[in-house]
């Protein structure tokens, strides 16, 4: 297979350009999505820490550790979802 054979065909290129990920309206939806993901991560951290404290964690450090674990799980999910 030569390098020339691996080039995208014009009809494939056109089809991939039509299926753009940009929102239909003007403006970028990327910033809003990032802000929502950051808010979700903060909420998960706070909720897991609070629930851990209510469940009887030995101290605040243990509760914050549980919050970090929950944060990491949700962060991995968000990154792998892309």
N, C-alpha and C. Protein backbone atom coordinates (compact mmCIF):
# COMPACT_ATOMS: atom_id res chain seq x y z
N UNK A 1 0.85 -1.17 0.00
CA UNK A 1 0.00 0.00 0.00
C UNK A 1 0.90 1.24 0.00
N UNK A 2 0.67 2.10 -0.93
CA UNK A 2 1.50 3.31 -1.02
C UNK A 2 0.86 4.43 -0.23
N UNK A 3 1.62 5.45 -0.03
CA UNK A 3 1.14 6.60 0.72
C UNK A 3 -0.05 7.25 0.01
N UNK A 4 -0.04 7.21 -1.29
CA UNK A 4 -1.11 7.81 -2.07
C UNK A 4 -2.44 7.10 -1.82
N UNK A 5 -2.38 5.78 -1.55
CA UNK A 5 -3.60 5.01 -1.31
C UNK A 5 -4.26 5.36 0.02
N UNK A 6 -3.51 5.89 0.95
CA UNK A 6 -4.04 6.18 2.29
C UNK A 6 -4.69 7.56 2.42
N UNK A 7 -4.62 8.35 1.40
CA UNK A 7 -5.21 9.69 1.48
C UNK A 7 -6.74 9.58 1.51
N UNK A 8 -7.41 10.46 2.28
CA UNK A 8 -8.87 10.39 2.31
C UNK A 8 -9.46 10.80 0.96
N UNK A 9 -10.49 10.11 0.59
CA UNK A 9 -11.17 10.46 -0.65
C UNK A 9 -11.96 11.73 -0.44
N UNK A 10 -12.14 12.53 -1.48
CA UNK A 10 -12.87 13.81 -1.32
C UNK A 10 -14.28 13.63 -0.76
N UNK A 11 -14.99 12.57 -1.15
CA UNK A 11 -16.35 12.39 -0.63
C UNK A 11 -16.33 12.04 0.85
N UNK A 12 -15.32 11.31 1.30
CA UNK A 12 -15.21 11.01 2.73
C UNK A 12 -14.86 12.27 3.51
N UNK A 13 -13.98 13.07 2.95
CA UNK A 13 -13.58 14.31 3.61
C UNK A 13 -14.78 15.24 3.76
N UNK A 14 -15.58 15.34 2.72
CA UNK A 14 -16.75 16.21 2.77
C UNK A 14 -17.74 15.72 3.81
N UNK A 15 -17.94 14.41 3.89
CA UNK A 15 -18.88 13.86 4.87
C UNK A 15 -18.39 14.12 6.30
N UNK A 16 -17.09 14.01 6.53
CA UNK A 16 -16.57 14.23 7.87
C UNK A 16 -16.64 15.70 8.26
N UNK A 17 -16.54 16.58 7.28
CA UNK A 17 -16.63 18.01 7.58
C UNK A 17 -18.07 18.42 7.87
N UNK A 18 -19.03 17.74 7.26
CA UNK A 18 -20.43 18.06 7.51
C UNK A 18 -20.84 17.69 8.93
N UNK A 19 -20.30 16.61 9.46
CA UNK A 19 -20.64 16.14 10.80
C UNK A 19 -19.77 16.84 11.83
N UNK A 20 -19.84 18.14 11.84
CA UNK A 20 -19.02 18.93 12.76
C UNK A 20 -19.57 18.82 14.17
N UNK A 21 -18.69 18.95 15.17
CA UNK A 21 -19.12 18.87 16.56
C UNK A 21 -19.49 20.24 17.12
N UNK A 22 -19.37 21.28 16.31
CA UNK A 22 -19.71 22.62 16.77
C UNK A 22 -21.23 22.75 16.89
N UNK A 23 -21.71 23.54 17.84
CA UNK A 23 -23.16 23.73 17.97
C UNK A 23 -23.71 24.50 16.78
N UNK A 24 -25.01 24.32 16.51
CA UNK A 24 -25.63 24.95 15.36
C UNK A 24 -25.67 26.47 15.50
N UNK A 25 -25.91 26.96 16.69
CA UNK A 25 -25.96 28.41 16.90
C UNK A 25 -24.55 28.95 17.04
N UNK A 26 -24.43 30.25 16.89
CA UNK A 26 -23.12 30.89 17.03
C UNK A 26 -22.59 30.72 18.44
N UNK A 27 -21.30 30.73 18.62
CA UNK A 27 -20.71 30.55 19.94
C UNK A 27 -20.30 29.12 20.16
N UNK A 28 -19.37 28.97 21.05
CA UNK A 28 -18.83 27.63 21.29
C UNK A 28 -19.50 27.00 22.50
N UNK A 29 -19.93 25.77 22.37
CA UNK A 29 -20.52 25.03 23.47
C UNK A 29 -19.46 24.36 24.31
N UNK A 30 -18.20 24.42 23.88
CA UNK A 30 -17.11 23.72 24.56
C UNK A 30 -16.85 24.31 25.94
N UNK A 31 -16.89 25.63 26.07
CA UNK A 31 -16.65 26.26 27.36
C UNK A 31 -17.74 25.93 28.36
N UNK A 32 -18.97 25.89 27.88
CA UNK A 32 -20.09 25.56 28.76
C UNK A 32 -19.98 24.12 29.25
N UNK A 33 -19.59 23.22 28.35
CA UNK A 33 -19.44 21.82 28.71
C UNK A 33 -18.34 21.65 29.75
N UNK A 34 -17.23 22.33 29.56
CA UNK A 34 -16.12 22.25 30.50
C UNK A 34 -16.54 22.79 31.86
N UNK A 35 -17.28 23.88 31.87
CA UNK A 35 -17.74 24.45 33.14
C UNK A 35 -18.70 23.50 33.84
N UNK A 36 -19.58 22.86 33.08
CA UNK A 36 -20.51 21.90 33.68
C UNK A 36 -19.78 20.69 34.25
N UNK A 37 -18.75 20.24 33.54
CA UNK A 37 -17.97 19.11 34.03
C UNK A 37 -17.21 19.47 35.30
N UNK A 38 -16.66 20.69 35.35
CA UNK A 38 -15.96 21.13 36.55
C UNK A 38 -16.92 21.25 37.73
N UNK A 39 -18.12 21.76 37.46
CA UNK A 39 -19.13 21.87 38.52
C UNK A 39 -19.56 20.48 39.00
N UNK A 40 -19.70 19.54 38.08
CA UNK A 40 -20.05 18.18 38.45
C UNK A 40 -18.97 17.57 39.35
N UNK A 41 -17.71 17.76 38.98
CA UNK A 41 -16.61 17.22 39.79
C UNK A 41 -16.59 17.83 41.19
N UNK A 42 -16.81 19.14 41.27
CA UNK A 42 -16.84 19.80 42.58
C UNK A 42 -18.01 19.29 43.42
N UNK A 43 -19.16 19.12 42.79
CA UNK A 43 -20.33 18.63 43.51
C UNK A 43 -20.14 17.20 44.00
N UNK A 44 -19.53 16.37 43.18
CA UNK A 44 -19.27 14.98 43.58
C UNK A 44 -18.31 14.95 44.75
N UNK A 45 -17.26 15.77 44.70
CA UNK A 45 -16.29 15.82 45.79
C UNK A 45 -16.96 16.25 47.09
N UNK A 46 -17.76 17.33 47.00
CA UNK A 46 -18.43 17.84 48.20
C UNK A 46 -19.45 16.84 48.75
N UNK A 47 -20.21 16.23 47.86
CA UNK A 47 -21.23 15.27 48.30
C UNK A 47 -20.60 14.03 48.94
N UNK A 48 -19.56 13.51 48.32
CA UNK A 48 -18.91 12.32 48.87
C UNK A 48 -18.26 12.63 50.22
N UNK A 49 -17.66 13.81 50.34
CA UNK A 49 -17.05 14.19 51.61
C UNK A 49 -18.12 14.35 52.68
N UNK A 50 -19.20 15.04 52.34
CA UNK A 50 -20.29 15.23 53.30
C UNK A 50 -20.94 13.93 53.73
N UNK A 51 -21.21 13.07 52.77
CA UNK A 51 -21.81 11.78 53.10
C UNK A 51 -20.87 10.93 53.96
N UNK A 52 -19.59 11.03 53.67
CA UNK A 52 -18.62 10.28 54.47
C UNK A 52 -18.59 10.78 55.91
N UNK A 53 -18.67 12.10 56.08
CA UNK A 53 -18.71 12.66 57.44
C UNK A 53 -19.99 12.23 58.17
N UNK A 54 -21.11 12.26 57.44
CA UNK A 54 -22.38 11.86 58.05
C UNK A 54 -22.40 10.36 58.37
N UNK A 55 -21.68 9.58 57.58
CA UNK A 55 -21.64 8.14 57.80
C UNK A 55 -20.72 7.75 58.95
N UNK A 56 -19.99 8.73 59.47
CA UNK A 56 -19.17 8.47 60.64
C UNK A 56 -17.69 8.26 60.36
N UNK A 57 -17.15 9.02 59.41
CA UNK A 57 -15.72 8.92 59.15
C UNK A 57 -14.96 9.29 60.42
N UNK A 58 -13.81 8.68 60.61
CA UNK A 58 -13.03 8.88 61.84
C UNK A 58 -12.63 10.34 62.01
N UNK A 59 -12.31 11.03 60.92
CA UNK A 59 -11.96 12.45 60.99
C UNK A 59 -12.16 13.08 59.62
N UNK A 60 -11.91 14.38 59.51
CA UNK A 60 -12.12 15.09 58.25
C UNK A 60 -11.15 14.62 57.17
N UNK A 61 -9.97 14.23 57.56
CA UNK A 61 -9.00 13.74 56.59
C UNK A 61 -9.47 12.48 55.88
N UNK A 62 -10.08 11.60 56.62
CA UNK A 62 -10.62 10.38 56.03
C UNK A 62 -11.77 10.72 55.09
N UNK A 63 -12.62 11.64 55.50
CA UNK A 63 -13.75 12.04 54.66
C UNK A 63 -13.26 12.71 53.38
N UNK A 64 -12.22 13.53 53.48
CA UNK A 64 -11.67 14.16 52.28
C UNK A 64 -11.03 13.12 51.35
N UNK A 65 -10.44 12.10 51.92
CA UNK A 65 -9.88 11.02 51.11
C UNK A 65 -10.96 10.30 50.32
N UNK A 66 -12.09 10.05 50.95
CA UNK A 66 -13.22 9.44 50.25
C UNK A 66 -13.71 10.37 49.14
N UNK A 67 -13.74 11.66 49.42
CA UNK A 67 -14.12 12.64 48.39
C UNK A 67 -13.17 12.63 47.21
N UNK A 68 -11.87 12.48 47.49
CA UNK A 68 -10.88 12.43 46.42
C UNK A 68 -11.07 11.18 45.55
N UNK A 69 -11.39 10.08 46.18
CA UNK A 69 -11.61 8.85 45.42
C UNK A 69 -12.83 9.00 44.51
N UNK A 70 -13.90 9.55 45.03
CA UNK A 70 -15.10 9.77 44.21
C UNK A 70 -14.81 10.74 43.07
N UNK A 71 -14.06 11.80 43.35
CA UNK A 71 -13.66 12.78 42.34
C UNK A 71 -12.89 12.09 41.22
N UNK A 72 -11.94 11.23 41.59
CA UNK A 72 -11.10 10.55 40.61
C UNK A 72 -11.92 9.60 39.74
N UNK A 73 -12.86 8.91 40.34
CA UNK A 73 -13.71 7.99 39.58
C UNK A 73 -14.53 8.75 38.55
N UNK A 74 -15.14 9.86 38.95
CA UNK A 74 -15.96 10.64 38.02
C UNK A 74 -15.08 11.30 36.96
N UNK A 75 -13.89 11.76 37.34
CA UNK A 75 -12.97 12.35 36.36
C UNK A 75 -12.57 11.32 35.31
N UNK A 76 -12.25 10.12 35.73
CA UNK A 76 -11.90 9.06 34.78
C UNK A 76 -13.07 8.76 33.85
N UNK A 77 -14.27 8.74 34.39
CA UNK A 77 -15.46 8.50 33.57
C UNK A 77 -15.63 9.60 32.53
N UNK A 78 -15.44 10.86 32.95
CA UNK A 78 -15.59 11.97 32.01
C UNK A 78 -14.53 11.92 30.92
N UNK A 79 -13.32 11.57 31.28
CA UNK A 79 -12.25 11.51 30.28
C UNK A 79 -12.42 10.34 29.31
N UNK A 80 -12.89 9.22 29.81
CA UNK A 80 -13.05 8.04 28.96
C UNK A 80 -14.30 8.13 28.08
N UNK A 81 -15.23 8.95 28.48
CA UNK A 81 -16.47 9.11 27.73
C UNK A 81 -16.25 9.80 26.39
N UNK A 82 -15.23 10.63 26.29
CA UNK A 82 -14.93 11.32 25.04
C UNK A 82 -14.57 10.32 24.04
